[in-house]
Protein backbone atom coordinates (compact mmCIF):
# COMPACT_ATOMS: atom_id res chain seq x y z
CA UNK A 1 0.00 0.00 0.00
CA UNK A 2 2.78 2.42 0.89
CA UNK A 3 4.50 1.88 -2.46
CA UNK A 4 1.18 2.47 -4.27
CA UNK A 5 0.58 5.68 -2.27
CA UNK A 6 4.05 6.97 -3.14
CA UNK A 7 3.57 6.06 -6.80
CA UNK A 8 0.24 7.88 -6.85
CA UNK A 9 1.80 10.98 -5.28
CA UNK A 10 4.61 11.07 -7.83
CA UNK A 11 2.24 10.74 -10.78
CA UNK A 12 -0.26 13.29 -9.44
CA UNK A 13 2.28 15.88 -8.27
CA UNK A 14 2.49 19.08 -10.23
CA UNK A 15 5.25 21.65 -10.08
CA UNK A 16 4.85 25.13 -11.54
CA UNK A 17 6.92 25.95 -14.63
CA UNK A 18 9.01 28.61 -12.94
CA UNK A 19 8.58 31.51 -10.60
CA UNK A 20 10.27 33.90 -13.04
CA UNK A 21 7.60 33.19 -15.65
CA UNK A 22 4.81 33.62 -13.08
CA UNK A 23 6.41 36.82 -11.84
CA UNK A 24 6.25 38.19 -15.41
CA UNK A 25 2.61 37.09 -15.84
CA UNK A 26 1.27 38.32 -12.48
CA UNK A 27 1.41 41.34 -10.21
CA UNK A 28 3.38 39.45 -7.55
CA UNK A 29 7.07 39.56 -6.71
CA UNK A 30 9.18 36.41 -6.71
CA UNK A 31 9.22 36.47 -2.88
CA UNK A 32 5.42 36.78 -2.71
CA UNK A 33 5.07 33.88 -5.15
CA UNK A 34 7.36 31.75 -2.98
CA UNK A 35 5.21 32.47 0.09
CA UNK A 36 2.00 31.75 -1.84
CA UNK A 37 3.45 28.52 -3.22
CA UNK A 38 4.48 27.36 0.26
CA UNK A 39 0.93 27.94 1.50
CA UNK A 40 -0.59 26.26 -1.55
CA UNK A 41 1.65 23.18 -1.16
CA UNK A 42 0.85 23.05 2.54
CA UNK A 43 -2.88 22.76 1.80
CA UNK A 44 -2.43 20.74 -1.42
CA UNK A 45 0.75 18.64 -1.28
CA UNK A 46 0.15 17.21 -4.76
CA UNK A 47 0.31 20.73 -6.24
CA UNK A 48 -3.20 20.37 -7.67
CA UNK A 49 -6.58 21.05 -6.04
CA UNK A 50 -9.74 19.20 -6.98
CA UNK A 51 -13.18 20.68 -6.36
CA UNK A 52 -13.87 18.70 -3.19
CA UNK A 53 -10.64 19.84 -1.53
CA UNK A 54 -11.28 23.41 -2.69
CA UNK A 55 -14.73 23.31 -1.06
CA UNK A 56 -13.30 21.98 2.21
CA UNK A 57 -10.66 24.71 2.35
CA UNK A 58 -13.14 27.44 1.42
CA UNK A 59 -15.72 26.25 3.98
CA UNK A 60 -13.26 26.99 6.80
CA UNK A 61 -13.69 30.72 6.11
CA UNK A 62 -17.48 30.58 6.48
CA UNK A 63 -18.24 28.39 9.51
CA UNK A 64 -21.77 29.78 9.99
CA UNK A 65 -22.96 29.19 6.44
CA UNK A 66 -22.92 26.71 3.60
CA UNK A 67 -20.16 27.79 1.21
CA UNK A 68 -20.30 24.69 -1.01
CA UNK A 69 -22.32 26.16 -3.89
CA UNK A 70 -20.37 29.43 -4.03
CA UNK A 71 -17.12 27.45 -3.78
CA UNK A 72 -18.34 25.37 -6.75
CA UNK A 73 -18.82 28.50 -8.87
CA UNK A 74 -15.52 29.93 -7.66
CA UNK A 75 -13.69 26.70 -8.42
CA UNK A 76 -15.06 26.75 -11.98
CA UNK A 77 -13.78 30.31 -12.41
CA UNK A 78 -10.32 29.30 -11.14
CA UNK A 79 -10.30 26.15 -13.31
CA UNK A 80 -9.57 27.97 -16.55
CA UNK A 81 -8.73 24.73 -18.40
CA UNK A 82 -12.08 23.26 -17.27
CA UNK A 83 -10.36 19.97 -16.41
CA UNK A 84 -11.58 19.57 -12.83
CA UNK A 85 -8.40 20.73 -11.15
CA UNK A 86 -6.72 23.97 -10.19
CA UNK A 87 -2.94 24.19 -10.42
CA UNK A 88 -0.86 26.75 -8.56
CA UNK A 89 -0.54 28.81 -11.76
CA UNK A 90 -4.34 28.99 -12.13
CA UNK A 91 -4.69 29.99 -8.49
CA UNK A 92 -2.00 32.67 -8.62
CA UNK A 93 -3.20 34.18 -11.92
CA UNK A 94 -6.72 34.63 -10.51
CA UNK A 95 -5.41 35.95 -7.20
CA UNK A 96 -3.25 38.45 -9.05
CA UNK A 97 -6.28 39.80 -10.90
CA UNK A 98 -8.53 39.87 -7.84
CA UNK A 99 -5.98 41.53 -5.55
CA UNK A 100 -3.95 43.72 -7.89
CA UNK A 101 -5.62 43.76 -11.28
CA UNK A 102 -7.13 46.75 -13.00
CA UNK A 103 -10.83 47.47 -12.55
CA UNK A 104 -11.42 46.13 -16.08
CA UNK A 105 -9.54 42.86 -15.31
CA UNK A 106 -11.50 42.41 -12.07
CA UNK A 107 -14.79 43.03 -13.86
CA UNK A 108 -13.91 40.56 -16.64
CA UNK A 109 -12.96 37.90 -14.05
CA UNK A 110 -16.14 38.49 -12.04
CA UNK A 111 -18.26 38.40 -15.20
CA UNK A 112 -16.73 35.00 -15.98
CA UNK A 113 -17.65 33.82 -12.47
CA UNK A 114 -21.28 34.93 -12.87
CA UNK A 115 -21.64 33.66 -16.46
CA UNK A 116 -22.21 30.09 -15.27
CA UNK A 117 -23.05 28.57 -18.68
CA UNK A 118 -20.25 30.57 -20.42
CA UNK A 119 -22.51 31.93 -23.17
CA UNK A 120 -21.23 35.51 -22.85
CA UNK A 121 -24.33 36.77 -21.02
CA UNK A 122 -25.48 36.86 -17.41
CA UNK A 123 -29.19 36.15 -17.19
CA UNK A 124 -31.44 36.48 -14.13
CA UNK A 125 -31.24 32.77 -13.35
CA UNK A 126 -27.43 32.80 -13.28
CA UNK A 127 -27.40 35.93 -11.16
CA UNK A 128 -29.99 34.36 -8.84
CA UNK A 129 -27.88 31.20 -8.46
CA UNK A 130 -24.78 33.20 -7.54
CA UNK A 131 -26.56 35.60 -5.18
CA UNK A 132 -28.35 32.71 -3.44
CA UNK A 133 -25.00 30.93 -3.05
CA UNK A 134 -23.53 34.10 -1.49
CA UNK A 135 -26.45 34.39 0.95
CA UNK A 136 -26.14 30.68 1.85
CA UNK A 137 -22.42 31.17 2.43
CA UNK A 138 -22.99 34.12 4.75
CA UNK A 139 -25.27 31.97 6.87
CA UNK A 140 -28.27 32.60 9.04
CA UNK A 141 -26.45 34.79 11.55
CA UNK A 142 -26.19 37.97 9.50
CA UNK A 143 -26.99 41.37 10.90
CA UNK A 144 -29.44 42.70 10.08
CA UNK A 145 -31.30 39.41 9.68
CA UNK A 146 -32.10 38.75 6.02
CA UNK A 147 -35.54 37.85 4.75
CA UNK A 148 -36.06 34.62 2.82
CA UNK A 149 -36.71 36.43 -0.47
CA UNK A 150 -33.70 38.79 -0.12
CA UNK A 151 -31.70 37.12 -2.92
CA UNK A 152 -34.57 37.49 -5.40
CA UNK A 153 -35.13 41.13 -4.40
CA UNK A 154 -31.40 41.81 -4.78
CA UNK A 155 -31.39 40.35 -8.31
CA UNK A 156 -34.56 42.22 -9.34
CA UNK A 157 -33.06 45.54 -8.22
CA UNK A 158 -29.83 44.75 -10.01
CA UNK A 159 -31.58 44.00 -13.31
CA UNK A 160 -33.75 47.13 -13.03
C-alpha atoms as a PDB file:
ATOM      1  CA  UNK A   1       0.000   0.000   0.000  1.00  0.00           C
ATOM      2  CA  UNK A   2       2.778   2.418   0.894  1.00  0.00           C
ATOM      3  CA  UNK A   3       4.502   1.881  -2.456  1.00  0.00           C
ATOM      4  CA  UNK A   4       1.177   2.472  -4.267  1.00  0.00           C
ATOM      5  CA  UNK A   5       0.585   5.679  -2.267  1.00  0.00           C
ATOM      6  CA  UNK A   6       4.054   6.968  -3.140  1.00  0.00           C
ATOM      7  CA  UNK A   7       3.573   6.063  -6.796  1.00  0.00           C
ATOM      8  CA  UNK A   8       0.237   7.885  -6.848  1.00  0.00           C
ATOM      9  CA  UNK A   9       1.802  10.978  -5.277  1.00  0.00           C
ATOM     10  CA  UNK A  10       4.611  11.066  -7.834  1.00  0.00           C
ATOM     11  CA  UNK A  11       2.240  10.739 -10.784  1.00  0.00           C
ATOM     12  CA  UNK A  12      -0.264  13.286  -9.444  1.00  0.00           C
ATOM     13  CA  UNK A  13       2.275  15.875  -8.272  1.00  0.00           C
ATOM     14  CA  UNK A  14       2.491  19.079 -10.226  1.00  0.00           C
ATOM     15  CA  UNK A  15       5.253  21.651 -10.077  1.00  0.00           C
ATOM     16  CA  UNK A  16       4.849  25.134 -11.537  1.00  0.00           C
ATOM     17  CA  UNK A  17       6.920  25.948 -14.632  1.00  0.00           C
ATOM     18  CA  UNK A  18       9.006  28.609 -12.936  1.00  0.00           C
ATOM     19  CA  UNK A  19       8.576  31.510 -10.597  1.00  0.00           C
ATOM     20  CA  UNK A  20      10.272  33.900 -13.041  1.00  0.00           C
ATOM     21  CA  UNK A  21       7.599  33.191 -15.652  1.00  0.00           C
ATOM     22  CA  UNK A  22       4.808  33.619 -13.078  1.00  0.00           C
ATOM     23  CA  UNK A  23       6.409  36.824 -11.844  1.00  0.00           C
ATOM     24  CA  UNK A  24       6.246  38.188 -15.406  1.00  0.00           C
ATOM     25  CA  UNK A  25       2.607  37.089 -15.838  1.00  0.00           C
ATOM     26  CA  UNK A  26       1.267  38.320 -12.477  1.00  0.00           C
ATOM     27  CA  UNK A  27       1.405  41.340 -10.215  1.00  0.00           C
ATOM     28  CA  UNK A  28       3.382  39.447  -7.554  1.00  0.00           C
ATOM     29  CA  UNK A  29       7.073  39.564  -6.708  1.00  0.00           C
ATOM     30  CA  UNK A  30       9.180  36.406  -6.705  1.00  0.00           C
ATOM     31  CA  UNK A  31       9.217  36.468  -2.878  1.00  0.00           C
ATOM     32  CA  UNK A  32       5.424  36.781  -2.711  1.00  0.00           C
ATOM     33  CA  UNK A  33       5.070  33.884  -5.149  1.00  0.00           C
ATOM     34  CA  UNK A  34       7.358  31.747  -2.983  1.00  0.00           C
ATOM     35  CA  UNK A  35       5.209  32.466   0.090  1.00  0.00           C
ATOM     36  CA  UNK A  36       2.005  31.751  -1.838  1.00  0.00           C
ATOM     37  CA  UNK A  37       3.455  28.518  -3.221  1.00  0.00           C
ATOM     38  CA  UNK A  38       4.479  27.356   0.255  1.00  0.00           C
ATOM     39  CA  UNK A  39       0.926  27.941   1.500  1.00  0.00           C
ATOM     40  CA  UNK A  40      -0.590  26.257  -1.549  1.00  0.00           C
ATOM     41  CA  UNK A  41       1.654  23.182  -1.165  1.00  0.00           C
ATOM     42  CA  UNK A  42       0.853  23.051   2.542  1.00  0.00           C
ATOM     43  CA  UNK A  43      -2.878  22.762   1.796  1.00  0.00           C
ATOM     44  CA  UNK A  44      -2.431  20.745  -1.418  1.00  0.00           C
ATOM     45  CA  UNK A  45       0.748  18.638  -1.279  1.00  0.00           C
ATOM     46  CA  UNK A  46       0.149  17.213  -4.757  1.00  0.00           C
ATOM     47  CA  UNK A  47       0.314  20.726  -6.239  1.00  0.00           C
ATOM     48  CA  UNK A  48      -3.197  20.365  -7.667  1.00  0.00           C
ATOM     49  CA  UNK A  49      -6.578  21.049  -6.042  1.00  0.00           C
ATOM     50  CA  UNK A  50      -9.735  19.203  -6.982  1.00  0.00           C
ATOM     51  CA  UNK A  51     -13.179  20.678  -6.362  1.00  0.00           C
ATOM     52  CA  UNK A  52     -13.871  18.703  -3.189  1.00  0.00           C
ATOM     53  CA  UNK A  53     -10.638  19.845  -1.526  1.00  0.00           C
ATOM     54  CA  UNK A  54     -11.278  23.406  -2.691  1.00  0.00           C
ATOM     55  CA  UNK A  55     -14.726  23.313  -1.061  1.00  0.00           C
ATOM     56  CA  UNK A  56     -13.295  21.982   2.208  1.00  0.00           C
ATOM     57  CA  UNK A  57     -10.660  24.707   2.352  1.00  0.00           C
ATOM     58  CA  UNK A  58     -13.138  27.444   1.420  1.00  0.00           C
ATOM     59  CA  UNK A  59     -15.721  26.249   3.975  1.00  0.00           C
ATOM     60  CA  UNK A  60     -13.263  26.993   6.802  1.00  0.00           C
ATOM     61  CA  UNK A  61     -13.693  30.725   6.107  1.00  0.00           C
ATOM     62  CA  UNK A  62     -17.485  30.584   6.476  1.00  0.00           C
ATOM     63  CA  UNK A  63     -18.242  28.388   9.506  1.00  0.00           C
ATOM     64  CA  UNK A  64     -21.772  29.782   9.991  1.00  0.00           C
ATOM     65  CA  UNK A  65     -22.959  29.190   6.440  1.00  0.00           C
ATOM     66  CA  UNK A  66     -22.917  26.712   3.598  1.00  0.00           C
ATOM     67  CA  UNK A  67     -20.157  27.787   1.207  1.00  0.00           C
ATOM     68  CA  UNK A  68     -20.301  24.690  -1.014  1.00  0.00           C
ATOM     69  CA  UNK A  69     -22.325  26.164  -3.893  1.00  0.00           C
ATOM     70  CA  UNK A  70     -20.369  29.428  -4.026  1.00  0.00           C
ATOM     71  CA  UNK A  71     -17.122  27.451  -3.782  1.00  0.00           C
ATOM     72  CA  UNK A  72     -18.339  25.369  -6.746  1.00  0.00           C
ATOM     73  CA  UNK A  73     -18.817  28.499  -8.875  1.00  0.00           C
ATOM     74  CA  UNK A  74     -15.524  29.932  -7.660  1.00  0.00           C
ATOM     75  CA  UNK A  75     -13.691  26.699  -8.420  1.00  0.00           C
ATOM     76  CA  UNK A  76     -15.060  26.751 -11.979  1.00  0.00           C
ATOM     77  CA  UNK A  77     -13.783  30.313 -12.415  1.00  0.00           C
ATOM     78  CA  UNK A  78     -10.319  29.301 -11.136  1.00  0.00           C
ATOM     79  CA  UNK A  79     -10.302  26.151 -13.311  1.00  0.00           C
ATOM     80  CA  UNK A  80      -9.573  27.974 -16.553  1.00  0.00           C
ATOM     81  CA  UNK A  81      -8.725  24.734 -18.404  1.00  0.00           C
ATOM     82  CA  UNK A  82     -12.082  23.265 -17.267  1.00  0.00           C
ATOM     83  CA  UNK A  83     -10.360  19.969 -16.408  1.00  0.00           C
ATOM     84  CA  UNK A  84     -11.582  19.569 -12.829  1.00  0.00           C
ATOM     85  CA  UNK A  85      -8.396  20.726 -11.145  1.00  0.00           C
ATOM     86  CA  UNK A  86      -6.715  23.973 -10.185  1.00  0.00           C
ATOM     87  CA  UNK A  87      -2.942  24.192 -10.419  1.00  0.00           C
ATOM     88  CA  UNK A  88      -0.857  26.755  -8.560  1.00  0.00           C
ATOM     89  CA  UNK A  89      -0.541  28.806 -11.760  1.00  0.00           C
ATOM     90  CA  UNK A  90      -4.341  28.994 -12.131  1.00  0.00           C
ATOM     91  CA  UNK A  91      -4.694  29.995  -8.493  1.00  0.00           C
ATOM     92  CA  UNK A  92      -2.002  32.672  -8.622  1.00  0.00           C
ATOM     93  CA  UNK A  93      -3.204  34.178 -11.917  1.00  0.00           C
ATOM     94  CA  UNK A  94      -6.720  34.632 -10.513  1.00  0.00           C
ATOM     95  CA  UNK A  95      -5.408  35.954  -7.198  1.00  0.00           C
ATOM     96  CA  UNK A  96      -3.248  38.454  -9.054  1.00  0.00           C
ATOM     97  CA  UNK A  97      -6.284  39.800 -10.905  1.00  0.00           C
ATOM     98  CA  UNK A  98      -8.527  39.866  -7.837  1.00  0.00           C
ATOM     99  CA  UNK A  99      -5.980  41.534  -5.552  1.00  0.00           C
ATOM    100  CA  UNK A 100      -3.951  43.720  -7.894  1.00  0.00           C
ATOM    101  CA  UNK A 101      -5.619  43.758 -11.281  1.00  0.00           C
ATOM    102  CA  UNK A 102      -7.132  46.753 -13.003  1.00  0.00           C
ATOM    103  CA  UNK A 103     -10.828  47.472 -12.547  1.00  0.00           C
ATOM    104  CA  UNK A 104     -11.416  46.133 -16.076  1.00  0.00           C
ATOM    105  CA  UNK A 105      -9.538  42.857 -15.312  1.00  0.00           C
ATOM    106  CA  UNK A 106     -11.503  42.406 -12.073  1.00  0.00           C
ATOM    107  CA  UNK A 107     -14.794  43.033 -13.860  1.00  0.00           C
ATOM    108  CA  UNK A 108     -13.915  40.557 -16.643  1.00  0.00           C
ATOM    109  CA  UNK A 109     -12.961  37.902 -14.055  1.00  0.00           C
ATOM    110  CA  UNK A 110     -16.142  38.492 -12.041  1.00  0.00           C
ATOM    111  CA  UNK A 111     -18.260  38.402 -15.201  1.00  0.00           C
ATOM    112  CA  UNK A 112     -16.734  35.004 -15.981  1.00  0.00           C
ATOM    113  CA  UNK A 113     -17.650  33.817 -12.469  1.00  0.00           C
ATOM    114  CA  UNK A 114     -21.284  34.933 -12.865  1.00  0.00           C
ATOM    115  CA  UNK A 115     -21.636  33.657 -16.461  1.00  0.00           C
ATOM    116  CA  UNK A 116     -22.211  30.094 -15.274  1.00  0.00           C
ATOM    117  CA  UNK A 117     -23.048  28.574 -18.676  1.00  0.00           C
ATOM    118  CA  UNK A 118     -20.253  30.574 -20.423  1.00  0.00           C
ATOM    119  CA  UNK A 119     -22.514  31.934 -23.172  1.00  0.00           C
ATOM    120  CA  UNK A 120     -21.229  35.507 -22.848  1.00  0.00           C
ATOM    121  CA  UNK A 121     -24.335  36.773 -21.024  1.00  0.00           C
ATOM    122  CA  UNK A 122     -25.480  36.856 -17.410  1.00  0.00           C
ATOM    123  CA  UNK A 123     -29.189  36.146 -17.187  1.00  0.00           C
ATOM    124  CA  UNK A 124     -31.439  36.479 -14.133  1.00  0.00           C
ATOM    125  CA  UNK A 125     -31.236  32.766 -13.352  1.00  0.00           C
ATOM    126  CA  UNK A 126     -27.425  32.795 -13.277  1.00  0.00           C
ATOM    127  CA  UNK A 127     -27.401  35.933 -11.156  1.00  0.00           C
ATOM    128  CA  UNK A 128     -29.988  34.362  -8.836  1.00  0.00           C
ATOM    129  CA  UNK A 129     -27.882  31.197  -8.460  1.00  0.00           C
ATOM    130  CA  UNK A 130     -24.776  33.198  -7.535  1.00  0.00           C
ATOM    131  CA  UNK A 131     -26.562  35.600  -5.178  1.00  0.00           C
ATOM    132  CA  UNK A 132     -28.349  32.711  -3.438  1.00  0.00           C
ATOM    133  CA  UNK A 133     -25.003  30.931  -3.047  1.00  0.00           C
ATOM    134  CA  UNK A 134     -23.535  34.097  -1.488  1.00  0.00           C
ATOM    135  CA  UNK A 135     -26.450  34.387   0.947  1.00  0.00           C
ATOM    136  CA  UNK A 136     -26.137  30.681   1.847  1.00  0.00           C
ATOM    137  CA  UNK A 137     -22.423  31.166   2.425  1.00  0.00           C
ATOM    138  CA  UNK A 138     -22.988  34.124   4.749  1.00  0.00           C
ATOM    139  CA  UNK A 139     -25.270  31.968   6.869  1.00  0.00           C
ATOM    140  CA  UNK A 140     -28.268  32.599   9.037  1.00  0.00           C
ATOM    141  CA  UNK A 141     -26.452  34.793  11.554  1.00  0.00           C
ATOM    142  CA  UNK A 142     -26.188  37.970   9.504  1.00  0.00           C
ATOM    143  CA  UNK A 143     -26.993  41.375  10.898  1.00  0.00           C
ATOM    144  CA  UNK A 144     -29.440  42.700  10.075  1.00  0.00           C
ATOM    145  CA  UNK A 145     -31.300  39.410   9.682  1.00  0.00           C
ATOM    146  CA  UNK A 146     -32.104  38.752   6.016  1.00  0.00           C
ATOM    147  CA  UNK A 147     -35.541  37.852   4.746  1.00  0.00           C
ATOM    148  CA  UNK A 148     -36.057  34.620   2.818  1.00  0.00           C
ATOM    149  CA  UNK A 149     -36.712  36.433  -0.466  1.00  0.00           C
ATOM    150  CA  UNK A 150     -33.696  38.788  -0.120  1.00  0.00           C
ATOM    151  CA  UNK A 151     -31.699  37.119  -2.921  1.00  0.00           C
ATOM    152  CA  UNK A 152     -34.569  37.485  -5.400  1.00  0.00           C
ATOM    153  CA  UNK A 153     -35.125  41.131  -4.405  1.00  0.00           C
ATOM    154  CA  UNK A 154     -31.398  41.808  -4.783  1.00  0.00           C
ATOM    155  CA  UNK A 155     -31.386  40.348  -8.311  1.00  0.00           C
ATOM    156  CA  UNK A 156     -34.560  42.219  -9.337  1.00  0.00           C
ATOM    157  CA  UNK A 157     -33.058  45.543  -8.216  1.00  0.00           C
ATOM    158  CA  UNK A 158     -29.832  44.747 -10.010  1.00  0.00           C
ATOM    159  CA  UNK A 159     -31.580  43.997 -13.308  1.00  0.00           C
ATOM    160  CA  UNK A 160     -33.754  47.133 -13.034  1.00  0.00           C
END
